[in-house]
PDB file of N, CA and C in Angstrom:
ATOM      1  N   MET A   1      -6.413 -46.656 -16.498  1.00  0.00           N
ATOM      2  CA  MET A   1      -5.694 -45.801 -17.443  1.00  0.00           C
ATOM      3  C   MET A   1      -6.654 -44.818 -18.115  1.00  0.00           C
ATOM      4  N   GLY A   2      -7.876 -45.255 -18.326  1.00  0.00           N
ATOM      5  CA  GLY A   2      -8.853 -44.403 -18.986  1.00  0.00           C
ATOM      6  C   GLY A   2      -9.225 -43.189 -18.146  1.00  0.00           C
ATOM      7  N   LYS A   3      -9.271 -43.380 -16.819  1.00  0.00           N
ATOM      8  CA  LYS A   3      -9.615 -42.262 -15.939  1.00  0.00           C
ATOM      9  C   LYS A   3      -8.527 -41.205 -15.941  1.00  0.00           C
ATOM     10  N   ILE A   4      -7.285 -41.660 -15.999  1.00  0.00           N
ATOM     11  CA  ILE A   4      -6.162 -40.711 -16.025  1.00  0.00           C
ATOM     12  C   ILE A   4      -6.203 -39.887 -17.303  1.00  0.00           C
ATOM     13  N   LEU A   5      -6.429 -40.537 -18.433  1.00  0.00           N
ATOM     14  CA  LEU A   5      -6.498 -39.821 -19.707  1.00  0.00           C
ATOM     15  C   LEU A   5      -7.689 -38.866 -19.738  1.00  0.00           C
ATOM     16  N   ALA A   6      -8.806 -39.266 -19.154  1.00  0.00           N
ATOM     17  CA  ALA A   6      -9.980 -38.396 -19.109  1.00  0.00           C
ATOM     18  C   ALA A   6      -9.686 -37.169 -18.244  1.00  0.00           C
ATOM     19  N   PHE A   7      -9.018 -37.415 -17.108  1.00  0.00           N
ATOM     20  CA  PHE A   7      -8.660 -36.299 -16.245  1.00  0.00           C
ATOM     21  C   PHE A   7      -7.744 -35.323 -16.960  1.00  0.00           C
ATOM     22  N   LEU A   8      -6.708 -35.827 -17.611  1.00  0.00           N
ATOM     23  CA  LEU A   8      -5.767 -34.952 -18.315  1.00  0.00           C
ATOM     24  C   LEU A   8      -6.459 -34.190 -19.441  1.00  0.00           C
ATOM     25  N   SER A   9      -7.363 -34.835 -20.132  1.00  0.00           N
ATOM     26  CA  SER A   9      -8.103 -34.180 -21.208  1.00  0.00           C
ATOM     27  C   SER A   9      -8.979 -33.051 -20.654  1.00  0.00           C
ATOM     28  N   GLU A  10      -9.668 -33.319 -19.530  1.00  0.00           N
ATOM     29  CA  GLU A  10     -10.510 -32.293 -18.919  1.00  0.00           C
ATOM     30  C   GLU A  10      -9.679 -31.142 -18.348  1.00  0.00           C
ATOM     31  N   ALA A  11      -8.527 -31.476 -17.779  1.00  0.00           N
ATOM     32  CA  ALA A  11      -7.646 -30.437 -17.244  1.00  0.00           C
ATOM     33  C   ALA A  11      -7.144 -29.523 -18.359  1.00  0.00           C
ATOM     34  N   LYS A  12      -6.782 -30.116 -19.482  1.00  0.00           N
ATOM     35  CA  LYS A  12      -6.333 -29.318 -20.625  1.00  0.00           C
ATOM     36  C   LYS A  12      -7.455 -28.409 -21.124  1.00  0.00           C
ATOM     37  N   ALA A  13      -8.671 -28.940 -21.194  1.00  0.00           N
ATOM     38  CA  ALA A  13      -9.812 -28.146 -21.660  1.00  0.00           C
ATOM     39  C   ALA A  13     -10.063 -26.969 -20.712  1.00  0.00           C
ATOM     40  N   GLU A  14      -9.944 -27.193 -19.402  1.00  0.00           N
ATOM     41  CA  GLU A  14     -10.131 -26.110 -18.437  1.00  0.00           C
ATOM     42  C   GLU A  14      -9.047 -25.054 -18.575  1.00  0.00           C
ATOM     43  N   LEU A  15      -7.806 -25.470 -18.763  1.00  0.00           N
ATOM     44  CA  LEU A  15      -6.710 -24.512 -18.900  1.00  0.00           C
ATOM     45  C   LEU A  15      -6.859 -23.660 -20.158  1.00  0.00           C
ATOM     46  N   LEU A  16      -7.466 -24.205 -21.182  1.00  0.00           N
ATOM     47  CA  LEU A  16      -7.689 -23.423 -22.397  1.00  0.00           C
ATOM     48  C   LEU A  16      -8.770 -22.358 -22.199  1.00  0.00           C
ATOM     49  N   ARG A  17      -9.650 -22.553 -21.219  1.00  0.00           N
ATOM     50  CA  ARG A  17     -10.719 -21.583 -20.949  1.00  0.00           C
ATOM     51  C   ARG A  17     -10.313 -20.492 -19.961  1.00  0.00           C
ATOM     52  N   VAL A  18      -9.150 -20.654 -19.339  1.00  0.00           N
ATOM     53  CA  VAL A  18      -8.700 -19.673 -18.346  1.00  0.00           C
ATOM     54  C   VAL A  18      -8.388 -18.357 -19.042  1.00  0.00           C
ATOM     55  N   ASN A  19      -8.790 -17.259 -18.415  1.00  0.00           N
ATOM     56  CA  ASN A  19      -8.477 -15.927 -18.928  1.00  0.00           C
ATOM     57  C   ASN A  19      -7.147 -15.488 -18.316  1.00  0.00           C
ATOM     58  N   TRP A  20      -6.049 -15.794 -19.019  1.00  0.00           N
ATOM     59  CA  TRP A  20      -4.722 -15.516 -18.496  1.00  0.00           C
ATOM     60  C   TRP A  20      -4.421 -14.018 -18.583  1.00  0.00           C
ATOM     61  N   PRO A  21      -3.734 -13.449 -17.577  1.00  0.00           N
ATOM     62  CA  PRO A  21      -3.382 -12.031 -17.636  1.00  0.00           C
ATOM     63  C   PRO A  21      -2.301 -11.783 -18.688  1.00  0.00           C
ATOM     64  N   THR A  22      -2.285 -10.555 -19.186  1.00  0.00           N
ATOM     65  CA  THR A  22      -1.260 -10.195 -20.158  1.00  0.00           C
ATOM     66  C   THR A  22       0.065  -9.944 -19.432  1.00  0.00           C
ATOM     67  N   LYS A  23       1.122  -9.843 -20.202  1.00  0.00           N
ATOM     68  CA  LYS A  23       2.439  -9.592 -19.614  1.00  0.00           C
ATOM     69  C   LYS A  23       2.459  -8.237 -18.903  1.00  0.00           C
ATOM     70  N   LYS A  24       1.781  -7.243 -19.474  1.00  0.00           N
ATOM     71  CA  LYS A  24       1.730  -5.919 -18.860  1.00  0.00           C
ATOM     72  C   LYS A  24       0.968  -5.969 -17.539  1.00  0.00           C
ATOM     73  N   GLN A  25      -0.124  -6.713 -17.497  1.00  0.00           N
ATOM     74  CA  GLN A  25      -0.886  -6.827 -16.252  1.00  0.00           C
ATOM     75  C   GLN A  25      -0.048  -7.493 -15.156  1.00  0.00           C
ATOM     76  N   VAL A  26       0.670  -8.553 -15.511  1.00  0.00           N
ATOM     77  CA  VAL A  26       1.506  -9.242 -14.531  1.00  0.00           C
ATOM     78  C   VAL A  26       2.585  -8.302 -14.013  1.00  0.00           C
ATOM     79  N   THR A  27       3.205  -7.544 -14.917  1.00  0.00           N
ATOM     80  CA  THR A  27       4.244  -6.595 -14.510  1.00  0.00           C
ATOM     81  C   THR A  27       3.661  -5.518 -13.607  1.00  0.00           C
ATOM     82  N   ASP A  28       2.521  -4.958 -13.989  1.00  0.00           N
ATOM     83  CA  ASP A  28       1.886  -3.909 -13.185  1.00  0.00           C
ATOM     84  C   ASP A  28       1.511  -4.412 -11.795  1.00  0.00           C
ATOM     85  N   TYR A  29       0.921  -5.588 -11.725  1.00  0.00           N
ATOM     86  CA  TYR A  29       0.512  -6.140 -10.433  1.00  0.00           C
ATOM     87  C   TYR A  29       1.725  -6.474  -9.569  1.00  0.00           C
ATOM     88  N   THR A  30       2.788  -6.964 -10.197  1.00  0.00           N
ATOM     89  CA  THR A  30       4.009  -7.279  -9.449  1.00  0.00           C
ATOM     90  C   THR A  30       4.613  -6.010  -8.860  1.00  0.00           C
ATOM     91  N   LEU A  31       4.669  -4.947  -9.656  1.00  0.00           N
ATOM     92  CA  LEU A  31       5.204  -3.680  -9.151  1.00  0.00           C
ATOM     93  C   LEU A  31       4.319  -3.102  -8.055  1.00  0.00           C
ATOM     94  N   LEU A  32       3.008  -3.250  -8.194  1.00  0.00           N
ATOM     95  CA  LEU A  32       2.084  -2.770  -7.169  1.00  0.00           C
ATOM     96  C   LEU A  32       2.289  -3.518  -5.853  1.00  0.00           C
ATOM     97  N   VAL A  33       2.405  -4.820  -5.919  1.00  0.00           N
ATOM     98  CA  VAL A  33       2.627  -5.614  -4.706  1.00  0.00           C
ATOM     99  C   VAL A  33       3.962  -5.254  -4.071  1.00  0.00           C
ATOM    100  N   ALA A  34       5.005  -5.082  -4.876  1.00  0.00           N
ATOM    101  CA  ALA A  34       6.318  -4.713  -4.340  1.00  0.00           C
ATOM    102  C   ALA A  34       6.267  -3.338  -3.675  1.00  0.00           C
ATOM    103  N   ALA A  35       5.592  -2.378  -4.303  1.00  0.00           N
ATOM    104  CA  ALA A  35       5.501  -1.031  -3.738  1.00  0.00           C
ATOM    105  C   ALA A  35       4.716  -1.030  -2.431  1.00  0.00           C
ATOM    106  N   ILE A  36       3.617  -1.755  -2.388  1.00  0.00           N
ATOM    107  CA  ILE A  36       2.829  -1.834  -1.153  1.00  0.00           C
ATOM    108  C   ILE A  36       3.639  -2.521  -0.057  1.00  0.00           C
ATOM    109  N   SER A  37       4.368  -3.565  -0.398  1.00  0.00           N
ATOM    110  CA  SER A  37       5.186  -4.277   0.584  1.00  0.00           C
ATOM    111  C   SER A  37       6.277  -3.381   1.151  1.00  0.00           C
ATOM    112  N   ILE A  38       6.942  -2.636   0.279  1.00  0.00           N
ATOM    113  CA  ILE A  38       7.991  -1.723   0.747  1.00  0.00           C
ATOM    114  C   ILE A  38       7.385  -0.616   1.593  1.00  0.00           C
ATOM    115  N   GLY A  39       6.256  -0.078   1.159  1.00  0.00           N
ATOM    116  CA  GLY A  39       5.588   0.963   1.935  1.00  0.00           C
ATOM    117  C   GLY A  39       5.182   0.482   3.320  1.00  0.00           C
ATOM    118  N   MET A  40       4.635  -0.722   3.396  1.00  0.00           N
ATOM    119  CA  MET A  40       4.246  -1.270   4.699  1.00  0.00           C
ATOM    120  C   MET A  40       5.469  -1.533   5.566  1.00  0.00           C
ATOM    121  N   ALA A  41       6.552  -1.995   4.980  1.00  0.00           N
ATOM    122  CA  ALA A  41       7.774  -2.244   5.740  1.00  0.00           C
ATOM    123  C   ALA A  41       8.323  -0.947   6.327  1.00  0.00           C
ATOM    124  N   VAL A  42       8.315   0.117   5.533  1.00  0.00           N
ATOM    125  CA  VAL A  42       8.792   1.415   6.024  1.00  0.00           C
ATOM    126  C   VAL A  42       7.865   1.929   7.127  1.00  0.00           C
ATOM    127  N   PHE A  43       6.563   1.825   6.920  1.00  0.00           N
ATOM    128  CA  PHE A  43       5.591   2.286   7.916  1.00  0.00           C
ATOM    129  C   PHE A  43       5.750   1.524   9.236  1.00  0.00           C
ATOM    130  N   LEU A  44       5.799   0.195   9.157  1.00  0.00           N
ATOM    131  CA  LEU A  44       5.926  -0.602  10.374  1.00  0.00           C
ATOM    132  C   LEU A  44       7.294  -0.416  11.028  1.00  0.00           C
ATOM    133  N   GLY A  45       8.317  -0.249  10.227  1.00  0.00           N
ATOM    134  CA  GLY A  45       9.645   0.042  10.782  1.00  0.00           C
ATOM    135  C   GLY A  45       9.660   1.376  11.507  1.00  0.00           C
ATOM    136  N   GLY A  46       8.975   2.363  10.953  1.00  0.00           N
ATOM    137  CA  GLY A  46       8.871   3.672  11.612  1.00  0.00           C
ATOM    138  C   GLY A  46       8.122   3.585  12.926  1.00  0.00           C
ATOM    139  N   LEU A  47       7.020   2.836  12.945  1.00  0.00           N
ATOM    140  CA  LEU A  47       6.288   2.640  14.192  1.00  0.00           C
ATOM    141  C   LEU A  47       7.150   1.927  15.232  1.00  0.00           C
ATOM    142  N   ASP A  48       7.890   0.935  14.812  1.00  0.00           N
ATOM    143  CA  ASP A  48       8.763   0.205  15.729  1.00  0.00           C
ATOM    144  C   ASP A  48       9.824   1.138  16.307  1.00  0.00           C
ATOM    145  N   LEU A  49      10.406   1.951  15.471  1.00  0.00           N
ATOM    146  CA  LEU A  49      11.414   2.910  15.937  1.00  0.00           C
ATOM    147  C   LEU A  49      10.800   3.900  16.917  1.00  0.00           C
ATOM    148  N   LEU A  50       9.618   4.412  16.602  1.00  0.00           N
ATOM    149  CA  LEU A  50       8.931   5.355  17.475  1.00  0.00           C
ATOM    150  C   LEU A  50       8.625   4.734  18.834  1.00  0.00           C
ATOM    151  N   PHE A  51       8.002   3.568  18.831  1.00  0.00           N
ATOM    152  CA  PHE A  51       7.637   2.936  20.094  1.00  0.00           C
ATOM    153  C   PHE A  51       8.862   2.497  20.887  1.00  0.00           C
ATOM    154  N   SER A  52       9.913   2.064  20.213  1.00  0.00           N
ATOM    155  CA  SER A  52      11.143   1.699  20.915  1.00  0.00           C
ATOM    156  C   SER A  52      11.737   2.900  21.632  1.00  0.00           C
ATOM    157  N   SER A  53      11.756   4.037  20.932  1.00  0.00           N
ATOM    158  CA  SER A  53      12.324   5.233  21.563  1.00  0.00           C
ATOM    159  C   SER A  53      11.437   5.719  22.713  1.00  0.00           C
ATOM    160  N   LEU A  54      10.114   5.599  22.572  1.00  0.00           N
ATOM    161  CA  LEU A  54       9.211   5.989  23.664  1.00  0.00           C
ATOM    162  C   LEU A  54       9.388   5.081  24.884  1.00  0.00           C
ATOM    163  N   VAL A  55       9.523   3.796  24.665  1.00  0.00           N
ATOM    164  CA  VAL A  55       9.730   2.864  25.775  1.00  0.00           C
ATOM    165  C   VAL A  55      11.057   3.148  26.465  1.00  0.00           C
ATOM    166  N   GLU A  56      12.102   3.353  25.694  1.00  0.00           N
ATOM    167  CA  GLU A  56      13.418   3.648  26.288  1.00  0.00           C
ATOM    168  C   GLU A  56      13.393   4.962  27.056  1.00  0.00           C
ATOM    169  N   ARG A  57      12.691   5.970  26.557  1.00  0.00           N
ATOM    170  CA  ARG A  57      12.691   7.280  27.181  1.00  0.00           C
ATOM    171  C   ARG A  57      11.838   7.303  28.454  1.00  0.00           C
ATOM    172  N   TYR A  58      10.658   6.700  28.416  1.00  0.00           N
ATOM    173  CA  TYR A  58       9.719   6.864  29.534  1.00  0.00           C
ATOM    174  C   TYR A  58       9.611   5.655  30.462  1.00  0.00           C
ATOM    175  N   LEU A  59       9.951   4.475  30.000  1.00  0.00           N
ATOM    176  CA  LEU A  59       9.798   3.297  30.850  1.00  0.00           C
ATOM    177  C   LEU A  59      11.103   2.762  31.398  1.00  0.00           C
ATOM    178  N   ILE A  60      12.135   2.773  30.604  1.00  0.00           N
ATOM    179  CA  ILE A  60      13.407   2.199  31.031  1.00  0.00           C
ATOM    180  C   ILE A  60      14.265   3.210  31.792  1.00  0.00           C
ATOM    181  N   LYS A  61      14.243   4.416  31.386  1.00  0.00           N
ATOM    182  CA  LYS A  61      15.014   5.536  31.973  1.00  0.00           C
ATOM    183  C   LYS A  61      16.421   5.115  32.232  1.00  0.00           C
TER     184      LYS A  61
END
């Protein structure tokens, strides 16, 4: 039982030392990740459309 209490005490002490991000930082980073994800999806979707049309035009005929 003593080891469990020591672990919980040390875990609490570590969590108090963590430099937590502010609400604005979390919001900014979330929007950045969402924008990059959408941008990559559009880019990769465009490449897929391009290559699909090239394959249909020149290989499948």
